[in-house]
Amino acid sequence: MFVKNCLIDSSPPWGVKEIVTEPYKNGWRHLSSAFEPAAQGTPTLRHRVCRVLVGLSLLIPIINMLIYIALRILFPGQQRQVLVHNSTQATNHQHVAQNQSSSQPSFDKWRNQVECVLNSPGNKHNLLPLFEEGQRCRFLNRPFIYFVGCTILHELAKRGISEYIVPLVTLGADLSLQENLFGNTPLMWAIANAQHETAMALMQAGGKKAPHLGKQCRRGNSALHLATAKGYKDINWAGQPLSCSSLDLVNQLIANGAPLNLQNNDGNTPLHLACLRRDCSMIASLLKAGADKTIRNNADKLPEDLLDCKYAESYAIIHQTVSPFLLSQKEHSASRDMALSFFT
């Protein structure tokens, strides 16, 4: 039999010297022994070790199977007892879950019941029992509307249902939770929707130095920013009468300890917004409470610098900050000098 054989150089690094065709005299050689020809008919120690390892690798699965069969024969009832025990535990857990589900309503069912009552003005007296049920089932702080993450407290604030604010907070509703769309707290929603009576109820329920007073929405506005920028007096933007003015909200926020110098995404503090409006009463209240008049916004403007803004510029900045709002051009034009006197 003739094969192509490679003659290997024995000096490192090993390399192929030449390829010749000749009778293969020494028998078949594995690649592992190519550098050292074995004597014909005499297996090396390396070959013997390889044969032993191959044999063991074939025997190990057979040994494992024999051990498994022997254990099943010696302990036939052990596995069955474990299976029976596990199935009993699973059945018990299933019964407990069924009992719990039968004794507690689902959140969807509870939410639908609350929604029906909210949409029926004559049935609002049924809200309190539903809120008590929500407290027992821990539903009060779960998202009431999934796609924006509003809780039931957000819904009451937006709709202006003020009479149930304090009982709901007493039951455990969280004033500091922010919904997903705008990042508003219930208080922010009440001020944004001109629900001033509800905003007052929320501040009453939270008390002084409450954490929700320092929360900021996605635009960076706090409740004090919103109340200052809105500028409502006796009516809102739609001409509807209000129970109190935006200035009343500002004063109550200050009395409750709302942070005075928070900056929104434009770097404006509530004092910057009051100066944009040239609202002398708000400027006086903020400065008296200790608002910092040395803070600069993102345009490097101090609050008093914004008193020089024309009506159109002031309107555009406030519109970008909060909308809707009211800003009288006549009052804006006439109040510059009086507002400037607070900074001299």
C-alpha atoms as a PDB file:
ATOM      1  CA  MET A   1       0.000   0.000   0.000  1.00  0.00           C
ATOM      2  CA  PHE A   2       1.397   3.407  -0.972  1.00  0.00           C
ATOM      3  CA  VAL A   3       0.495   6.652   0.867  1.00  0.00           C
ATOM      4  CA  LYS A   4       1.763  10.201   0.874  1.00  0.00           C
ATOM      5  CA  ASN A   5       3.939  10.653   3.895  1.00  0.00           C
ATOM      6  CA  CYS A   6       5.369  13.835   5.418  1.00  0.00           C
ATOM      7  CA  LEU A   7       8.958  13.732   6.631  1.00  0.00           C
ATOM      8  CA  ILE A   8       9.142  15.920   9.718  1.00  0.00           C
ATOM      9  CA  ASP A   9      12.204  17.842  10.758  1.00  0.00           C
ATOM     10  CA  SER A  10      13.102  16.758  14.312  1.00  0.00           C
ATOM     11  CA  SER A  11      14.705  20.026  15.249  1.00  0.00           C
ATOM     12  CA  PRO A  12      12.294  22.633  16.623  1.00  0.00           C
ATOM     13  CA  PRO A  13      10.438  24.267  15.192  1.00  0.00           C
ATOM     14  CA  TRP A  14       9.216  21.200  13.474  1.00  0.00           C
ATOM     15  CA  GLY A  15       8.362  21.599   9.832  1.00  0.00           C
ATOM     16  CA  VAL A  16       7.653  19.612   6.708  1.00  0.00           C
ATOM     17  CA  LYS A  17      10.889  18.871   4.837  1.00  0.00           C
ATOM     18  CA  GLU A  18       9.471  17.153   1.760  1.00  0.00           C
ATOM     19  CA  ILE A  19       6.650  14.963   0.544  1.00  0.00           C
ATOM     20  CA  VAL A  20       7.530  11.548  -0.858  1.00  0.00           C
ATOM     21  CA  THR A  21       5.642   8.476  -1.916  1.00  0.00           C
ATOM     22  CA  GLU A  22       6.917   5.228  -0.461  1.00  0.00           C
ATOM     23  CA  PRO A  23       5.627   2.023   1.099  1.00  0.00           C
ATOM     24  CA  TYR A  24       4.449   2.629   4.620  1.00  0.00           C
ATOM     25  CA  LYS A  25       6.483   0.188   6.662  1.00  0.00           C
ATOM     26  CA  ASN A  26       5.741   0.953  10.282  1.00  0.00           C
ATOM     27  CA  GLY A  27       2.001   0.496  10.253  1.00  0.00           C
ATOM     28  CA  TRP A  28      -0.656   3.092  10.989  1.00  0.00           C
ATOM     29  CA  ARG A  29       0.480   5.973  13.147  1.00  0.00           C
ATOM     30  CA  HIS A  30      -1.917   8.420  14.899  1.00  0.00           C
ATOM     31  CA  LEU A  31      -1.324  12.141  14.525  1.00  0.00           C
ATOM     32  CA  SER A  32      -0.490  12.265  18.243  1.00  0.00           C
ATOM     33  CA  SER A  33       2.539  10.025  17.580  1.00  0.00           C
ATOM     34  CA  ALA A  34       3.541  11.423  14.211  1.00  0.00           C
ATOM     35  CA  PHE A  35       6.709  12.955  15.544  1.00  0.00           C
ATOM     36  CA  GLU A  36       7.881   9.672  17.090  1.00  0.00           C
ATOM     37  CA  PRO A  37       7.316   6.456  15.041  1.00  0.00           C
ATOM     38  CA  ALA A  38       6.303   3.471  17.099  1.00  0.00           C
ATOM     39  CA  ALA A  39       7.989   0.109  16.769  1.00  0.00           C
ATOM     40  CA  GLN A  40       5.929  -2.241  14.642  1.00  0.00           C
ATOM     41  CA  GLY A  41       3.492  -4.307  16.708  1.00  0.00           C
ATOM     42  CA  THR A  42       4.480  -2.737  20.063  1.00  0.00           C
ATOM     43  CA  PRO A  43       1.914  -0.233  21.420  1.00  0.00           C
ATOM     44  CA  THR A  44       3.406   2.602  23.416  1.00  0.00           C
ATOM     45  CA  LEU A  45       2.347   3.638  26.935  1.00  0.00           C
ATOM     46  CA  ARG A  46       0.501   6.547  25.441  1.00  0.00           C
ATOM     47  CA  HIS A  47      -1.628   4.202  23.347  1.00  0.00           C
ATOM     48  CA  ARG A  48      -2.454   2.052  26.340  1.00  0.00           C
ATOM     49  CA  VAL A  49      -3.539   5.056  28.440  1.00  0.00           C
ATOM     50  CA  CYS A  50      -5.781   6.296  25.610  1.00  0.00           C
ATOM     51  CA  ARG A  51      -7.423   2.894  25.284  1.00  0.00           C
ATOM     52  CA  VAL A  52      -8.119   2.766  29.035  1.00  0.00           C
ATOM     53  CA  LEU A  53      -9.681   6.266  29.013  1.00  0.00           C
ATOM     54  CA  VAL A  54     -11.877   5.448  26.046  1.00  0.00           C
ATOM     55  CA  GLY A  55     -13.075   2.294  27.768  1.00  0.00           C
ATOM     56  CA  LEU A  56     -13.909   4.173  30.962  1.00  0.00           C
ATOM     57  CA  SER A  57     -15.846   6.834  29.061  1.00  0.00           C
ATOM     58  CA  LEU A  58     -18.000   4.084  27.598  1.00  0.00           C
ATOM     59  CA  LEU A  59     -18.523   2.391  30.947  1.00  0.00           C
ATOM     60  CA  ILE A  60     -19.485   5.442  33.021  1.00  0.00           C
ATOM     61  CA  PRO A  61     -23.029   5.866  31.560  1.00  0.00           C
ATOM     62  CA  ILE A  62     -23.660   2.159  32.029  1.00  0.00           C
ATOM     63  CA  ILE A  63     -22.509   2.363  35.680  1.00  0.00           C
ATOM     64  CA  ASN A  64     -24.760   5.375  36.300  1.00  0.00           C
ATOM     65  CA  MET A  65     -27.756   3.538  34.877  1.00  0.00           C
ATOM     66  CA  LEU A  66     -27.084   0.511  37.071  1.00  0.00           C
ATOM     67  CA  ILE A  67     -26.815   2.708  40.180  1.00  0.00           C
ATOM     68  CA  TYR A  68     -30.128   4.432  39.323  1.00  0.00           C
ATOM     69  CA  ILE A  69     -31.903   1.071  38.834  1.00  0.00           C
ATOM     70  CA  ALA A  70     -30.482  -0.239  42.114  1.00  0.00           C
ATOM     71  CA  LEU A  71     -31.702   2.845  44.034  1.00  0.00           C
ATOM     72  CA  ARG A  72     -35.199   2.538  42.551  1.00  0.00           C
ATOM     73  CA  ILE A  73     -35.311  -1.113  43.585  1.00  0.00           C
ATOM     74  CA  LEU A  74     -34.026  -0.447  47.128  1.00  0.00           C
ATOM     75  CA  PHE A  75     -36.234   2.660  47.801  1.00  0.00           C
ATOM     76  CA  PRO A  76     -39.408   2.220  45.751  1.00  0.00           C
ATOM     77  CA  GLY A  77     -41.744   4.428  47.904  1.00  0.00           C
ATOM     78  CA  GLN A  78     -39.510   7.435  48.543  1.00  0.00           C
ATOM     79  CA  GLN A  79     -40.192   9.260  45.263  1.00  0.00           C
ATOM     80  CA  ARG A  80     -43.912   8.593  45.505  1.00  0.00           C
ATOM     81  CA  GLN A  81     -44.077  10.122  48.992  1.00  0.00           C
ATOM     82  CA  VAL A  82     -42.331  13.281  47.771  1.00  0.00           C
ATOM     83  CA  LEU A  83     -44.704  13.570  44.813  1.00  0.00           C
ATOM     84  CA  VAL A  84     -47.762  13.108  47.027  1.00  0.00           C
ATOM     85  CA  HIS A  85     -46.460  15.682  49.512  1.00  0.00           C
ATOM     86  CA  ASN A  86     -45.799  18.247  46.772  1.00  0.00           C
ATOM     87  CA  SER A  87     -49.184  17.716  45.148  1.00  0.00           C
ATOM     88  CA  THR A  88     -50.900  18.147  48.559  1.00  0.00           C
ATOM     89  CA  GLN A  89     -49.059  21.438  49.118  1.00  0.00           C
ATOM     90  CA  ALA A  90     -50.022  22.667  45.645  1.00  0.00           C
ATOM     91  CA  THR A  91     -53.671  21.816  46.276  1.00  0.00           C
ATOM     92  CA  ASN A  92     -53.627  23.644  49.607  1.00  0.00           C
ATOM     93  CA  HIS A  93     -52.085  26.749  48.000  1.00  0.00           C
ATOM     94  CA  GLN A  94     -54.719  26.642  45.284  1.00  0.00           C
ATOM     95  CA  HIS A  95     -57.539  26.487  47.857  1.00  0.00           C
ATOM     96  CA  VAL A  96     -56.023  29.430  49.780  1.00  0.00           C
ATOM     97  CA  ALA A  97     -55.737  31.497  46.582  1.00  0.00           C
ATOM     98  CA  GLN A  98     -59.330  30.696  45.659  1.00  0.00           C
ATOM     99  CA  ASN A  99     -60.549  31.694  49.119  1.00  0.00           C
ATOM    100  CA  GLN A 100     -58.622  34.968  48.956  1.00  0.00           C
ATOM    101  CA  SER A 101     -59.900  35.778  45.489  1.00  0.00           C
ATOM    102  CA  SER A 102     -63.469  35.052  46.549  1.00  0.00           C
ATOM    103  CA  SER A 103     -63.192  37.262  49.657  1.00  0.00           C
ATOM    104  CA  GLN A 104     -61.445  40.204  47.898  1.00  0.00           C
ATOM    105  CA  PRO A 105     -62.622  41.883  44.689  1.00  0.00           C
ATOM    106  CA  SER A 106     -60.228  42.330  41.803  1.00  0.00           C
ATOM    107  CA  PHE A 107     -58.698  45.743  41.221  1.00  0.00           C
ATOM    108  CA  ASP A 108     -60.379  46.038  37.808  1.00  0.00           C
ATOM    109  CA  LYS A 109     -63.785  45.412  39.333  1.00  0.00           C
ATOM    110  CA  TRP A 110     -63.186  47.927  42.124  1.00  0.00           C
ATOM    111  CA  ARG A 111     -61.891  50.525  39.674  1.00  0.00           C
ATOM    112  CA  ASN A 112     -64.923  50.111  37.430  1.00  0.00           C
ATOM    113  CA  GLN A 113     -67.239  50.564  40.407  1.00  0.00           C
ATOM    114  CA  VAL A 114     -65.446  53.773  41.406  1.00  0.00           C
ATOM    115  CA  GLU A 115     -65.559  55.044  37.823  1.00  0.00           C
ATOM    116  CA  CYS A 116     -69.301  54.436  37.626  1.00  0.00           C
ATOM    117  CA  VAL A 117     -69.886  56.390  40.846  1.00  0.00           C
ATOM    118  CA  LEU A 118     -67.648  59.256  39.689  1.00  0.00           C
ATOM    119  CA  ASN A 119     -69.654  59.520  36.473  1.00  0.00           C
ATOM    120  CA  SER A 120     -72.957  59.569  38.380  1.00  0.00           C
ATOM    121  CA  PRO A 121     -73.150  62.811  40.393  1.00  0.00           C
ATOM    122  CA  GLY A 122     -76.139  61.597  42.379  1.00  0.00           C
ATOM    123  CA  ASN A 123     -74.280  58.517  43.681  1.00  0.00           C
ATOM    124  CA  LYS A 124     -71.179  60.171  45.116  1.00  0.00           C
ATOM    125  CA  HIS A 125     -72.268  59.174  48.627  1.00  0.00           C
ATOM    126  CA  ASN A 126     -71.177  55.632  47.658  1.00  0.00           C
ATOM    127  CA  LEU A 127     -67.559  56.699  47.222  1.00  0.00           C
ATOM    128  CA  LEU A 128     -66.537  56.468  50.879  1.00  0.00           C
ATOM    129  CA  PRO A 129     -67.500  52.751  51.257  1.00  0.00           C
ATOM    130  CA  LEU A 130     -65.585  52.035  48.047  1.00  0.00           C
ATOM    131  CA  PHE A 131     -62.540  53.905  49.381  1.00  0.00           C
ATOM    132  CA  GLU A 132     -62.678  51.891  52.607  1.00  0.00           C
ATOM    133  CA  GLU A 133     -62.823  48.709  50.554  1.00  0.00           C
ATOM    134  CA  GLY A 134     -59.869  49.977  48.516  1.00  0.00           C
ATOM    135  CA  GLN A 135     -57.911  50.529  51.709  1.00  0.00           C
ATOM    136  CA  ARG A 136     -58.539  46.935  52.855  1.00  0.00           C
ATOM    137  CA  CYS A 137     -57.447  45.582  49.462  1.00  0.00           C
ATOM    138  CA  ARG A 138     -54.526  48.049  49.088  1.00  0.00           C
ATOM    139  CA  PHE A 139     -55.928  49.572  45.907  1.00  0.00           C
ATOM    140  CA  LEU A 140     -55.730  53.267  46.816  1.00  0.00           C
ATOM    141  CA  ASN A 141     -52.204  53.878  45.483  1.00  0.00           C
ATOM    142  CA  ARG A 142     -52.373  51.646  42.429  1.00  0.00           C
ATOM    143  CA  PRO A 143     -52.630  53.273  38.966  1.00  0.00           C
ATOM    144  CA  PHE A 144     -56.267  54.098  38.390  1.00  0.00           C
ATOM    145  CA  ILE A 145     -55.770  54.723  34.666  1.00  0.00           C
ATOM    146  CA  TYR A 146     -53.057  52.449  33.376  1.00  0.00           C
ATOM    147  CA  PHE A 147     -51.617  54.451  30.513  1.00  0.00           C
ATOM    148  CA  VAL A 148     -50.873  57.573  32.585  1.00  0.00           C
ATOM    149  CA  GLY A 149     -50.467  56.009  36.022  1.00  0.00           C
ATOM    150  CA  CYS A 150     -53.054  58.163  37.820  1.00  0.00           C
ATOM    151  CA  THR A 151     -54.255  56.993  41.221  1.00  0.00           C
ATOM    152  CA  ILE A 152     -57.767  57.589  42.531  1.00  0.00           C
ATOM    153  CA  LEU A 153     -56.433  60.706  44.314  1.00  0.00           C
ATOM    154  CA  HIS A 154     -55.227  62.131  40.979  1.00  0.00           C
ATOM    155  CA  GLU A 155     -58.700  61.540  39.540  1.00  0.00           C
ATOM    156  CA  LEU A 156     -60.447  63.380  42.374  1.00  0.00           C
ATOM    157  CA  ALA A 157     -57.989  66.283  42.062  1.00  0.00           C
ATOM    158  CA  LYS A 158     -58.487  66.631  38.307  1.00  0.00           C
ATOM    159  CA  ARG A 159     -62.283  66.474  38.612  1.00  0.00           C
ATOM    160  CA  GLY A 160     -62.428  68.841  41.592  1.00  0.00           C
ATOM    161  CA  ILE A 161     -64.148  66.446  44.014  1.00  0.00           C
ATOM    162  CA  SER A 162     -62.822  68.143  47.116  1.00  0.00           C
ATOM    163  CA  GLU A 163     -65.102  66.715  49.814  1.00  0.00           C
ATOM    164  CA  TYR A 164     -63.449  63.265  49.688  1.00  0.00           C
ATOM    165  CA  ILE A 165     -59.823  64.437  49.617  1.00  0.00           C
ATOM    166  CA  VAL A 166     -59.223  64.483  53.370  1.00  0.00           C
ATOM    167  CA  PRO A 167     -60.996  61.118  54.049  1.00  0.00           C
ATOM    168  CA  LEU A 168     -59.058  59.502  51.192  1.00  0.00           C
ATOM    169  CA  VAL A 169     -55.706  60.786  52.462  1.00  0.00           C
ATOM    170  CA  THR A 170     -56.678  59.657  55.976  1.00  0.00           C
ATOM    171  CA  LEU A 171     -57.255  56.149  54.590  1.00  0.00           C
ATOM    172  CA  GLY A 172     -53.717  56.087  53.185  1.00  0.00           C
ATOM    173  CA  ALA A 173     -53.747  57.693  49.728  1.00  0.00           C
ATOM    174  CA  ASP A 174     -50.260  59.040  48.914  1.00  0.00           C
ATOM    175  CA  LEU A 175     -50.115  62.774  48.062  1.00  0.00           C
ATOM    176  CA  SER A 176     -46.592  62.483  46.629  1.00  0.00           C
ATOM    177  CA  LEU A 177     -47.241  59.972  43.845  1.00  0.00           C
ATOM    178  CA  GLN A 178     -46.609  61.366  40.354  1.00  0.00           C
ATOM    179  CA  GLU A 179     -48.422  60.114  37.265  1.00  0.00           C
ATOM    180  CA  ASN A 180     -46.447  58.936  34.243  1.00  0.00           C
ATOM    181  CA  LEU A 181     -47.520  61.379  31.523  1.00  0.00           C
ATOM    182  CA  PHE A 182     -46.665  64.811  32.961  1.00  0.00           C
ATOM    183  CA  GLY A 183     -45.185  63.812  36.318  1.00  0.00           C
ATOM    184  CA  ASN A 184     -47.916  65.703  38.184  1.00  0.00           C
ATOM    185  CA  THR A 185     -48.905  65.093  41.782  1.00  0.00           C
ATOM    186  CA  PRO A 186     -52.599  65.400  42.734  1.00  0.00           C
ATOM    187  CA  LEU A 187     -51.917  68.961  43.947  1.00  0.00           C
ATOM    188  CA  MET A 188     -50.328  69.913  40.623  1.00  0.00           C
ATOM    189  CA  TRP A 189     -53.345  68.527  38.750  1.00  0.00           C
ATOM    190  CA  ALA A 190     -55.751  70.505  40.929  1.00  0.00           C
ATOM    191  CA  ILE A 191     -53.854  73.763  40.291  1.00  0.00           C
ATOM    192  CA  ALA A 192     -53.397  73.012  36.574  1.00  0.00           C
ATOM    193  CA  ASN A 193     -57.152  72.406  36.155  1.00  0.00           C
ATOM    194  CA  ALA A 194     -58.089  75.470  38.216  1.00  0.00           C
ATOM    195  CA  GLN A 195     -59.677  73.291  40.910  1.00  0.00           C
ATOM    196  CA  HIS A 196     -58.662  75.702  43.656  1.00  0.00           C
ATOM    197  CA  GLU A 197     -60.997  74.377  46.337  1.00  0.00           C
ATOM    198  CA  THR A 198     -59.564  70.896  45.798  1.00  0.00           C
ATOM    199  CA  ALA A 199     -56.021  72.305  45.877  1.00  0.00           C
ATOM    200  CA  MET A 200     -56.753  73.887  49.255  1.00  0.00           C
ATOM    201  CA  ALA A 201     -58.139  70.556  50.514  1.00  0.00           C
ATOM    202  CA  LEU A 202     -54.989  68.748  49.356  1.00  0.00           C
ATOM    203  CA  MET A 203     -52.769  71.243  51.180  1.00  0.00           C
ATOM    204  CA  GLN A 204     -54.937  70.881  54.282  1.00  0.00           C
ATOM    205  CA  ALA A 205     -54.652  67.098  54.102  1.00  0.00           C
ATOM    206  CA  GLY A 206     -50.873  67.190  53.631  1.00  0.00           C
ATOM    207  CA  GLY A 207     -50.100  69.765  56.282  1.00  0.00           C
ATOM    208  CA  LYS A 208     -46.893  71.746  56.649  1.00  0.00           C
ATOM    209  CA  LYS A 209     -43.583  70.687  55.069  1.00  0.00           C
ATOM    210  CA  ALA A 210     -45.307  67.833  53.246  1.00  0.00           C
ATOM    211  CA  PRO A 211     -43.048  66.066  50.693  1.00  0.00           C
ATOM    212  CA  HIS A 212     -45.489  66.619  47.830  1.00  0.00           C
ATOM    213  CA  LEU A 213     -44.939  70.381  48.022  1.00  0.00           C
ATOM    214  CA  GLY A 214     -41.389  69.950  46.695  1.00  0.00           C
ATOM    215  CA  LYS A 215     -42.193  67.586  43.841  1.00  0.00           C
ATOM    216  CA  GLN A 216     -41.458  68.782  40.296  1.00  0.00           C
ATOM    217  CA  CYS A 217     -43.155  67.662  37.091  1.00  0.00           C
ATOM    218  CA  ARG A 218     -41.398  66.746  33.843  1.00  0.00           C
ATOM    219  CA  ARG A 219     -41.073  70.423  32.952  1.00  0.00           C
ATOM    220  CA  GLY A 220     -39.484  71.061  36.337  1.00  0.00           C
ATOM    221  CA  ASN A 221     -42.438  73.015  37.718  1.00  0.00           C
ATOM    222  CA  SER A 222     -43.522  72.669  41.327  1.00  0.00           C
ATOM    223  CA  ALA A 223     -46.972  73.464  42.663  1.00  0.00           C
ATOM    224  CA  LEU A 224     -45.701  76.961  43.531  1.00  0.00           C
ATOM    225  CA  HIS A 225     -44.508  77.493  39.938  1.00  0.00           C
ATOM    226  CA  LEU A 226     -47.958  76.561  38.633  1.00  0.00           C
ATOM    227  CA  ALA A 227     -49.896  78.728  41.069  1.00  0.00           C
ATOM    228  CA  THR A 228     -47.646  81.721  40.350  1.00  0.00           C
ATOM    229  CA  ALA A 229     -47.759  81.372  36.558  1.00  0.00           C
ATOM    230  CA  LYS A 230     -51.524  80.807  36.265  1.00  0.00           C
ATOM    231  CA  GLY A 231     -52.404  84.250  37.642  1.00  0.00           C
ATOM    232  CA  TYR A 232     -56.119  83.619  38.122  1.00  0.00           C
ATOM    233  CA  LYS A 233     -58.100  86.078  40.222  1.00  0.00           C
ATOM    234  CA  ASP A 234     -61.833  85.506  40.383  1.00  0.00           C
ATOM    235  CA  ILE A 235     -62.268  83.472  37.162  1.00  0.00           C
ATOM    236  CA  ASN A 236     -60.210  80.922  35.260  1.00  0.00           C
ATOM    237  CA  TRP A 237     -59.202  80.999  31.588  1.00  0.00           C
ATOM    238  CA  ALA A 238     -62.654  79.719  30.543  1.00  0.00           C
ATOM    239  CA  GLY A 239     -64.477  82.429  32.523  1.00  0.00           C
ATOM    240  CA  GLN A 240     -65.654  80.061  35.271  1.00  0.00           C
ATOM    241  CA  PRO A 241     -65.782  81.501  38.802  1.00  0.00           C
ATOM    242  CA  LEU A 242     -63.183  80.371  41.336  1.00  0.00           C
ATOM    243  CA  SER A 243     -63.475  79.805  45.065  1.00  0.00           C
ATOM    244  CA  CYS A 244     -60.125  81.542  45.637  1.00  0.00           C
ATOM    245  CA  SER A 245     -57.423  83.239  43.560  1.00  0.00           C
ATOM    246  CA  SER A 246     -54.007  82.029  42.464  1.00  0.00           C
ATOM    247  CA  LEU A 247     -52.517  84.505  44.950  1.00  0.00           C
ATOM    248  CA  ASP A 248     -54.434  82.720  47.736  1.00  0.00           C
ATOM    249  CA  LEU A 249     -52.888  79.439  46.597  1.00  0.00           C
ATOM    250  CA  VAL A 250     -49.421  81.002  46.547  1.00  0.00           C
ATOM    251  CA  ASN A 251     -49.854  82.322  50.087  1.00  0.00           C
ATOM    252  CA  GLN A 252     -51.141  78.968  51.340  1.00  0.00           C
ATOM    253  CA  LEU A 253     -48.250  77.123  49.677  1.00  0.00           C
ATOM    254  CA  ILE A 254     -45.797  79.510  51.327  1.00  0.00           C
ATOM    255  CA  ALA A 255     -47.546  79.047  54.690  1.00  0.00           C
ATOM    256  CA  ASN A 256     -47.295  75.264  54.314  1.00  0.00           C
ATOM    257  CA  GLY A 257     -43.558  75.472  53.678  1.00  0.00           C
ATOM    258  CA  ALA A 258     -43.334  74.931  49.921  1.00  0.00           C
ATOM    259  CA  PRO A 259     -39.746  75.375  48.615  1.00  0.00           C
ATOM    260  CA  LEU A 260     -39.348  78.914  47.269  1.00  0.00           C
ATOM    261  CA  ASN A 261     -36.263  78.612  45.067  1.00  0.00           C
ATOM    262  CA  LEU A 262     -36.767  75.487  42.970  1.00  0.00           C
ATOM    263  CA  GLN A 263     -35.831  76.025  39.307  1.00  0.00           C
ATOM    264  CA  ASN A 264     -37.745  74.512  36.402  1.00  0.00           C
ATOM    265  CA  ASN A 265     -36.241  73.266  33.138  1.00  0.00           C
ATOM    266  CA  ASP A 266     -35.702  76.873  31.982  1.00  0.00           C
ATOM    267  CA  GLY A 267     -33.993  77.770  35.240  1.00  0.00           C
ATOM    268  CA  ASN A 268     -36.871  79.972  36.381  1.00  0.00           C
ATOM    269  CA  THR A 269     -37.922  80.116  40.021  1.00  0.00           C
ATOM    270  CA  PRO A 270     -41.453  81.147  41.077  1.00  0.00           C
ATOM    271  CA  LEU A 271     -40.038  84.656  41.587  1.00  0.00           C
ATOM    272  CA  HIS A 272     -38.902  84.740  37.936  1.00  0.00           C
ATOM    273  CA  LEU A 273     -42.455  83.865  36.856  1.00  0.00           C
ATOM    274  CA  ALA A 274     -43.985  86.497  39.146  1.00  0.00           C
ATOM    275  CA  CYS A 275     -41.651  89.092  37.599  1.00  0.00           C
ATOM    276  CA  LEU A 276     -42.596  87.969  34.092  1.00  0.00           C
ATOM    277  CA  ARG A 277     -46.202  88.628  35.050  1.00  0.00           C
ATOM    278  CA  ARG A 278     -45.253  91.854  36.846  1.00  0.00           C
ATOM    279  CA  ASP A 279     -47.623  90.685  39.571  1.00  0.00           C
ATOM    280  CA  CYS A 280     -46.754  92.957  42.490  1.00  0.00           C
ATOM    281  CA  SER A 281     -48.764  91.021  45.080  1.00  0.00           C
ATOM    282  CA  MET A 282     -47.040  87.729  44.235  1.00  0.00           C
ATOM    283  CA  ILE A 283     -43.609  89.371  44.107  1.00  0.00           C
ATOM    284  CA  ALA A 284     -44.223  90.894  47.555  1.00  0.00           C
ATOM    285  CA  SER A 285     -45.386  87.574  49.041  1.00  0.00           C
ATOM    286  CA  LEU A 286     -42.415  85.616  47.634  1.00  0.00           C
ATOM    287  CA  LEU A 287     -39.801  88.171  48.692  1.00  0.00           C
ATOM    288  CA  LYS A 288     -41.325  88.492  52.165  1.00  0.00           C
ATOM    289  CA  ALA A 289     -41.159  84.704  52.557  1.00  0.00           C
ATOM    290  CA  GLY A 290     -37.454  84.730  51.662  1.00  0.00           C
ATOM    291  CA  ALA A 291     -37.298  83.966  47.933  1.00  0.00           C
ATOM    292  CA  ASP A 292     -33.777  84.387  46.546  1.00  0.00           C
ATOM    293  CA  LYS A 293     -33.617  87.277  44.067  1.00  0.00           C
ATOM    294  CA  THR A 294     -29.998  86.509  43.057  1.00  0.00           C
ATOM    295  CA  ILE A 295     -30.720  83.241  41.220  1.00  0.00           C
ATOM    296  CA  ARG A 296     -30.143  83.383  37.460  1.00  0.00           C
ATOM    297  CA  ASN A 297     -32.102  81.314  34.959  1.00  0.00           C
ATOM    298  CA  ASN A 298     -30.734  79.457  31.935  1.00  0.00           C
ATOM    299  CA  ALA A 299     -30.686  82.740  29.976  1.00  0.00           C
ATOM    300  CA  ASP A 300     -28.509  84.263  32.743  1.00  0.00           C
ATOM    301  CA  LYS A 301     -31.379  86.534  33.819  1.00  0.00           C
ATOM    302  CA  LEU A 302     -32.147  87.619  37.368  1.00  0.00           C
ATOM    303  CA  PRO A 303     -35.827  87.875  38.375  1.00  0.00           C
ATOM    304  CA  GLU A 304     -35.739  91.686  38.224  1.00  0.00           C
ATOM    305  CA  ASP A 305     -34.252  91.521  34.696  1.00  0.00           C
ATOM    306  CA  LEU A 306     -37.485  89.911  33.507  1.00  0.00           C
ATOM    307  CA  LEU A 307     -39.460  93.008  34.521  1.00  0.00           C
ATOM    308  CA  ASP A 308     -38.143  94.584  31.308  1.00  0.00           C
ATOM    309  CA  CYS A 309     -39.726  91.922  29.085  1.00  0.00           C
ATOM    310  CA  LYS A 310     -42.473  93.191  26.825  1.00  0.00           C
ATOM    311  CA  TYR A 311     -45.944  91.704  27.066  1.00  0.00           C
ATOM    312  CA  ALA A 312     -45.532  89.441  24.021  1.00  0.00           C
ATOM    313  CA  GLU A 313     -42.232  88.014  25.284  1.00  0.00           C
ATOM    314  CA  SER A 314     -43.590  87.464  28.786  1.00  0.00           C
ATOM    315  CA  TYR A 315     -46.711  85.806  27.375  1.00  0.00           C
ATOM    316  CA  ALA A 316     -44.607  83.442  25.216  1.00  0.00           C
ATOM    317  CA  ILE A 317     -42.373  82.375  28.127  1.00  0.00           C
ATOM    318  CA  ILE A 318     -45.306  81.754  30.468  1.00  0.00           C
ATOM    319  CA  HIS A 319     -47.162  79.892  27.719  1.00  0.00           C
ATOM    320  CA  GLN A 320     -44.152  77.607  27.318  1.00  0.00           C
ATOM    321  CA  THR A 321     -44.059  77.054  31.081  1.00  0.00           C
ATOM    322  CA  VAL A 322     -47.743  76.508  31.860  1.00  0.00           C
ATOM    323  CA  SER A 323     -50.893  76.626  29.809  1.00  0.00           C
ATOM    324  CA  PRO A 324     -53.665  77.760  29.999  1.00  0.00           C
ATOM    325  CA  PHE A 325     -53.297  80.929  32.075  1.00  0.00           C
ATOM    326  CA  LEU A 326     -54.445  84.540  32.211  1.00  0.00           C
ATOM    327  CA  LEU A 327     -52.262  87.624  31.689  1.00  0.00           C
ATOM    328  CA  SER A 328     -53.805  91.055  31.293  1.00  0.00           C
ATOM    329  CA  GLN A 329     -51.881  93.230  28.867  1.00  0.00           C
ATOM    330  CA  LYS A 330     -53.212  96.397  30.501  1.00  0.00           C
ATOM    331  CA  GLU A 331     -52.089  95.387  33.996  1.00  0.00           C
ATOM    332  CA  HIS A 332     -48.747  94.112  32.674  1.00  0.00           C
ATOM    333  CA  SER A 333     -47.976  97.431  31.002  1.00  0.00           C
ATOM    334  CA  ALA A 334     -48.976  99.543  33.992  1.00  0.00           C
ATOM    335  CA  SER A 335     -47.208  97.668  36.806  1.00  0.00           C
ATOM    336  CA  ARG A 336     -43.524  97.700  35.788  1.00  0.00           C
ATOM    337  CA  ASP A 337     -42.401 100.611  37.976  1.00  0.00           C
ATOM    338  CA  MET A 338     -44.248  99.355  41.043  1.00  0.00           C
ATOM    339  CA  ALA A 339     -42.809  95.862  40.604  1.00  0.00           C
ATOM    340  CA  LEU A 340     -39.305  97.275  40.143  1.00  0.00           C
ATOM    341  CA  SER A 341     -39.570  99.088  43.472  1.00  0.00           C
ATOM    342  CA  PHE A 342     -39.401  95.727  45.324  1.00  0.00           C
ATOM    343  CA  PHE A 343     -35.810  95.268  44.085  1.00  0.00           C
ATOM    344  CA  THR A 344     -34.407  98.707  44.862  1.00  0.00           C
END
